N, C-alpha and C. Protein backbone atom coordinates (compact mmCIF):
# COMPACT_ATOMS: atom_id res chain seq x y z
N UNK A 1 56.43 114.28 -19.10
CA UNK A 1 54.77 114.49 -20.17
C UNK A 1 53.60 113.64 -19.18
N UNK A 2 54.23 112.89 -19.15
CA UNK A 2 52.81 111.45 -18.37
C UNK A 2 52.57 112.34 -17.28
N UNK A 3 53.71 112.91 -16.30
CA UNK A 3 53.04 113.42 -15.16
C UNK A 3 52.49 114.73 -15.59
N UNK A 4 52.71 115.30 -16.50
CA UNK A 4 51.93 116.61 -16.80
C UNK A 4 50.50 116.32 -17.34
N UNK A 5 50.44 115.46 -17.98
CA UNK A 5 49.08 115.05 -18.35
C UNK A 5 48.07 114.80 -17.21
N UNK A 6 48.96 113.81 -16.35
CA UNK A 6 48.13 113.52 -14.99
C UNK A 6 47.26 114.61 -14.09
N UNK A 7 48.70 115.84 -13.84
CA UNK A 7 48.62 117.23 -13.53
C UNK A 7 47.34 117.88 -13.86
N UNK A 8 47.23 118.01 -15.36
CA UNK A 8 46.18 118.65 -15.80
C UNK A 8 45.21 117.78 -16.05
N UNK A 9 44.96 117.15 -15.98
CA UNK A 9 43.68 115.97 -16.23
C UNK A 9 43.13 115.93 -15.04
N UNK A 10 44.01 115.45 -13.86
CA UNK A 10 43.36 114.80 -12.81
C UNK A 10 43.35 116.04 -11.41
N UNK A 11 44.73 116.35 -11.16
CA UNK A 11 44.54 117.47 -10.19
C UNK A 11 44.38 119.01 -10.21
N UNK A 12 44.30 119.19 -11.63
CA UNK A 12 44.21 120.56 -11.78
C UNK A 12 42.18 120.94 -11.79
N UNK A 13 41.73 120.18 -11.95
CA UNK A 13 40.37 119.85 -11.90
C UNK A 13 39.85 119.59 -10.49
N UNK A 14 40.87 119.04 -9.86
CA UNK A 14 40.44 118.60 -8.32
C UNK A 14 40.44 119.76 -7.61
N UNK A 15 41.95 120.79 -8.12
CA UNK A 15 42.33 121.66 -7.05
C UNK A 15 41.12 122.97 -7.35
N UNK A 16 40.53 122.96 -8.84
CA UNK A 16 39.49 123.82 -9.12
C UNK A 16 38.37 123.40 -8.48
N UNK A 17 38.04 122.31 -8.12
CA UNK A 17 36.97 122.13 -7.68
C UNK A 17 36.96 122.29 -6.18
N UNK A 18 38.47 122.15 -5.41
CA UNK A 18 38.31 122.56 -4.39
C UNK A 18 38.32 124.33 -4.18
N UNK A 19 38.71 124.80 -4.91
CA UNK A 19 38.69 126.62 -5.02
C UNK A 19 37.25 126.47 -4.68
N UNK A 20 36.37 126.41 -6.33
CA UNK A 20 34.57 126.23 -6.10
C UNK A 20 33.99 125.80 -4.66
N UNK A 21 34.43 124.94 -4.22
CA UNK A 21 33.41 124.44 -2.94
C UNK A 21 34.10 125.53 -1.76
N UNK A 22 35.11 125.89 -2.02
CA UNK A 22 35.59 126.85 -0.68
C UNK A 22 34.91 128.72 -0.62
N UNK A 23 34.90 128.76 -2.41
CA UNK A 23 34.45 129.85 -2.27
C UNK A 23 32.53 129.59 -1.63
N UNK A 24 31.88 128.85 -2.36
CA UNK A 24 30.84 128.22 -1.74
C UNK A 24 30.32 128.46 -0.26
N UNK A 25 31.33 127.75 0.71
CA UNK A 25 31.87 127.71 1.66
C UNK A 25 31.82 129.13 2.63
N UNK A 26 33.12 130.00 1.79
CA UNK A 26 32.63 131.23 2.19
C UNK A 26 32.04 132.06 2.04
N UNK A 27 30.84 131.80 0.96
CA UNK A 27 29.81 132.63 0.92
C UNK A 27 28.73 131.92 1.78
N UNK A 28 28.63 131.07 2.25
CA UNK A 28 27.77 130.66 3.23
C UNK A 28 27.92 131.43 4.77
N UNK A 29 28.86 131.28 4.83
CA UNK A 29 29.75 131.56 6.32
C UNK A 29 29.24 133.38 6.12
N UNK A 30 29.94 133.88 5.15
CA UNK A 30 29.43 135.66 5.35
C UNK A 30 27.91 135.33 5.26
N UNK A 31 27.25 134.83 4.65
CA UNK A 31 25.60 134.75 4.94
C UNK A 31 25.28 134.97 6.39
N UNK A 32 25.54 133.47 6.69
CA UNK A 32 25.58 133.39 8.31
C UNK A 32 25.52 134.64 9.22
N UNK A 33 26.95 134.64 8.89
CA UNK A 33 27.37 135.72 9.72
C UNK A 33 26.32 137.36 9.45
N UNK A 34 25.88 137.23 8.47
CA UNK A 34 24.74 138.17 8.26
C UNK A 34 24.02 138.35 8.91
N UNK A 35 22.99 136.87 8.49
CA UNK A 35 21.95 136.41 9.55
C UNK A 35 22.51 136.33 11.11
N UNK A 36 23.53 136.51 11.78
CA UNK A 36 23.36 136.03 13.30
C UNK A 36 23.72 137.85 13.52
N UNK A 37 24.65 138.59 12.77
CA UNK A 37 24.39 139.92 13.45
C UNK A 37 23.06 140.85 12.71
N UNK A 38 22.00 140.09 12.16
CA UNK A 38 20.89 140.73 11.91
C UNK A 38 19.62 139.93 13.30
N UNK A 39 19.84 138.74 13.42
CA UNK A 39 19.18 138.44 14.91
C UNK A 39 19.84 138.74 15.76
N UNK A 40 21.07 139.27 16.29
CA UNK A 40 21.75 139.83 17.22
C UNK A 40 21.10 141.13 17.63
N UNK A 41 20.81 142.19 16.53
CA UNK A 41 20.61 143.39 16.61
C UNK A 41 19.02 143.61 16.83
N UNK A 42 18.33 142.37 16.89
CA UNK A 42 16.82 142.11 16.55
C UNK A 42 16.24 141.73 18.12
N UNK A 43 17.22 140.69 18.69
CA UNK A 43 17.67 140.72 19.95
C UNK A 43 17.57 141.42 20.80
N UNK A 44 18.62 142.72 20.75
CA UNK A 44 19.03 143.50 21.59
C UNK A 44 18.08 144.67 21.23
N UNK A 45 17.05 144.84 20.48
CA UNK A 45 15.57 145.55 20.75
C UNK A 45 14.99 144.87 21.29
N UNK A 46 14.54 143.63 20.96
CA UNK A 46 13.80 143.00 21.99
C UNK A 46 14.21 142.78 23.64
N UNK A 47 15.26 143.37 23.98
CA UNK A 47 15.71 142.99 24.93
C UNK A 47 15.59 144.06 25.38
N UNK A 48 16.11 145.40 24.71
CA UNK A 48 15.85 146.96 25.49
C UNK A 48 14.09 147.05 25.50
N UNK A 49 13.43 146.62 24.88
CA UNK A 49 12.05 146.81 24.86
C UNK A 49 11.41 145.85 26.13
N UNK A 50 11.52 144.88 26.53
CA UNK A 50 11.95 144.28 27.46
C UNK A 50 12.35 144.35 28.82
N UNK A 51 12.99 145.46 28.51
CA UNK A 51 13.90 145.91 30.54
C UNK A 51 12.96 147.21 30.29
N UNK A 52 12.46 148.28 28.96
CA UNK A 52 11.95 149.20 29.36
C UNK A 52 10.46 148.81 30.02
N UNK A 53 9.63 147.62 29.48
CA UNK A 53 8.43 147.28 29.87
C UNK A 53 8.22 146.89 31.20
N UNK A 54 9.67 146.18 31.65
CA UNK A 54 9.53 145.65 33.33
C UNK A 54 9.80 146.64 33.91
N UNK A 55 10.57 147.85 33.63
CA UNK A 55 10.91 148.72 34.32
C UNK A 55 9.46 149.81 34.62
N UNK A 56 8.70 149.70 33.73
CA UNK A 56 7.73 150.70 33.41
C UNK A 56 6.90 149.79 34.62
N UNK A 57 6.64 148.43 34.81
CA UNK A 57 5.57 147.63 35.46
C UNK A 57 5.86 147.57 36.80
N UNK A 58 8.06 147.68 37.20
CA UNK A 58 8.04 147.75 38.62
C UNK A 58 7.45 149.10 39.14
N UNK A 59 8.08 150.38 38.26
CA UNK A 59 7.50 152.16 38.98
C UNK A 59 5.69 151.55 39.00
N UNK A 60 4.87 150.81 38.14
CA UNK A 60 3.59 150.23 38.35
C UNK A 60 3.44 149.80 39.76
N UNK A 61 3.99 148.65 40.03
CA UNK A 61 3.84 147.65 41.17
C UNK A 61 4.35 148.63 42.59
N UNK A 62 5.62 149.75 42.14
CA UNK A 62 6.08 150.35 43.23
C UNK A 62 5.09 151.53 43.82
N UNK A 63 4.63 151.98 43.34
CA UNK A 63 3.67 152.79 43.26
C UNK A 63 2.05 152.47 43.93
N UNK A 64 2.00 151.20 43.27
CA UNK A 64 0.51 150.51 44.26
C UNK A 64 0.80 150.14 45.73
N UNK A 65 2.05 149.76 45.80
CA UNK A 65 3.16 148.81 46.94
C UNK A 65 2.70 149.96 47.81
N UNK A 66 3.58 151.48 47.72
CA UNK A 66 3.53 153.16 48.66
C UNK A 66 1.97 153.00 48.72
N UNK A 67 1.52 152.67 47.30
CA UNK A 67 -0.23 153.62 48.06
C UNK A 67 -0.71 152.74 48.78
N UNK A 68 -0.45 151.13 48.69
CA UNK A 68 -1.26 150.16 50.01
C UNK A 68 -0.41 150.45 51.60
N UNK A 69 0.69 150.99 51.41
CA UNK A 69 1.14 151.17 52.48
C UNK A 69 0.94 152.55 53.19
N UNK A 70 0.90 153.40 52.54
CA UNK A 70 -0.05 154.92 53.16
C UNK A 70 -1.00 154.41 53.75
N UNK A 71 -1.99 153.47 52.97
CA UNK A 71 -3.52 153.04 53.32
C UNK A 71 -2.90 152.54 54.93
N UNK A 72 -2.22 151.61 55.04
CA UNK A 72 -2.02 150.97 56.20
C UNK A 72 -1.80 152.02 57.34
N UNK A 73 -0.77 152.44 56.71
CA UNK A 73 0.01 153.43 58.00
C UNK A 73 -1.17 154.32 58.67
N UNK A 74 -1.53 154.83 57.66
CA UNK A 74 -2.25 156.15 57.82
C UNK A 74 -3.90 156.08 58.33
N UNK A 75 -4.07 154.34 57.89
CA UNK A 75 -5.82 154.44 58.12
C UNK A 75 -6.04 154.32 59.62
N UNK A 76 -5.34 153.39 60.06
CA UNK A 76 -5.73 153.77 61.85
C UNK A 76 -6.16 155.36 62.67
N UNK A 77 -5.33 156.34 62.07
CA UNK A 77 -4.90 157.41 62.17
C UNK A 77 -6.20 158.25 61.63
N UNK A 78 -6.94 157.93 60.52
CA UNK A 78 -8.11 158.67 59.87
C UNK A 78 -9.45 157.74 60.74
N UNK A 79 -9.33 156.43 60.84
CA UNK A 79 -10.26 155.91 61.20
C UNK A 79 -10.31 156.66 62.87
N UNK A 80 -9.50 157.07 63.94
CA UNK A 80 -9.81 157.81 65.11
C UNK A 80 -10.01 158.97 64.86
N UNK A 81 -9.44 159.66 63.37
CA UNK A 81 -10.46 161.23 63.18
C UNK A 81 -11.45 160.79 63.25
N UNK A 82 -11.66 160.44 62.45
CA UNK A 82 -13.62 159.92 61.96
C UNK A 82 -14.51 159.65 63.19
N UNK A 83 -13.81 158.77 64.41
CA UNK A 83 -14.31 158.22 65.28
C UNK A 83 -14.52 159.19 66.06
N UNK A 84 -13.37 160.03 65.83
CA UNK A 84 -13.54 161.58 67.11
C UNK A 84 -14.62 162.04 66.55
N UNK A 85 -14.82 162.44 65.08
CA UNK A 85 -15.86 163.21 64.46
C UNK A 85 -17.49 162.68 65.04
N UNK A 86 -17.31 161.34 65.05
CA UNK A 86 -18.88 160.41 65.33
C UNK A 86 -18.75 160.31 66.77
N UNK A 87 -17.50 160.85 67.87
CA UNK A 87 -18.10 161.08 69.12
C UNK A 87 -18.11 162.20 69.18
N UNK A 88 -18.42 163.16 68.80
CA UNK A 88 -18.28 164.10 69.44
C UNK A 88 -19.54 165.01 69.38
């Protein structure tokens, strides 16, 4: 009888407290998981946006370099043509 009283008065509330704390931890873990999932989704969207922006800038710089390359390679030829017109 003494053991039963001890089990009911001491051990049972302790077990119930632990179960309550465990449920609280479970809710915290679920909340953190949702938050991490949400943050991950936002980070993926940000990364996709940055990637798109980087590709646009790359294309822009590449176009300008191609334009510059054309001027460098065609420049002397055009000068010769214009020079020929001036000398004629």
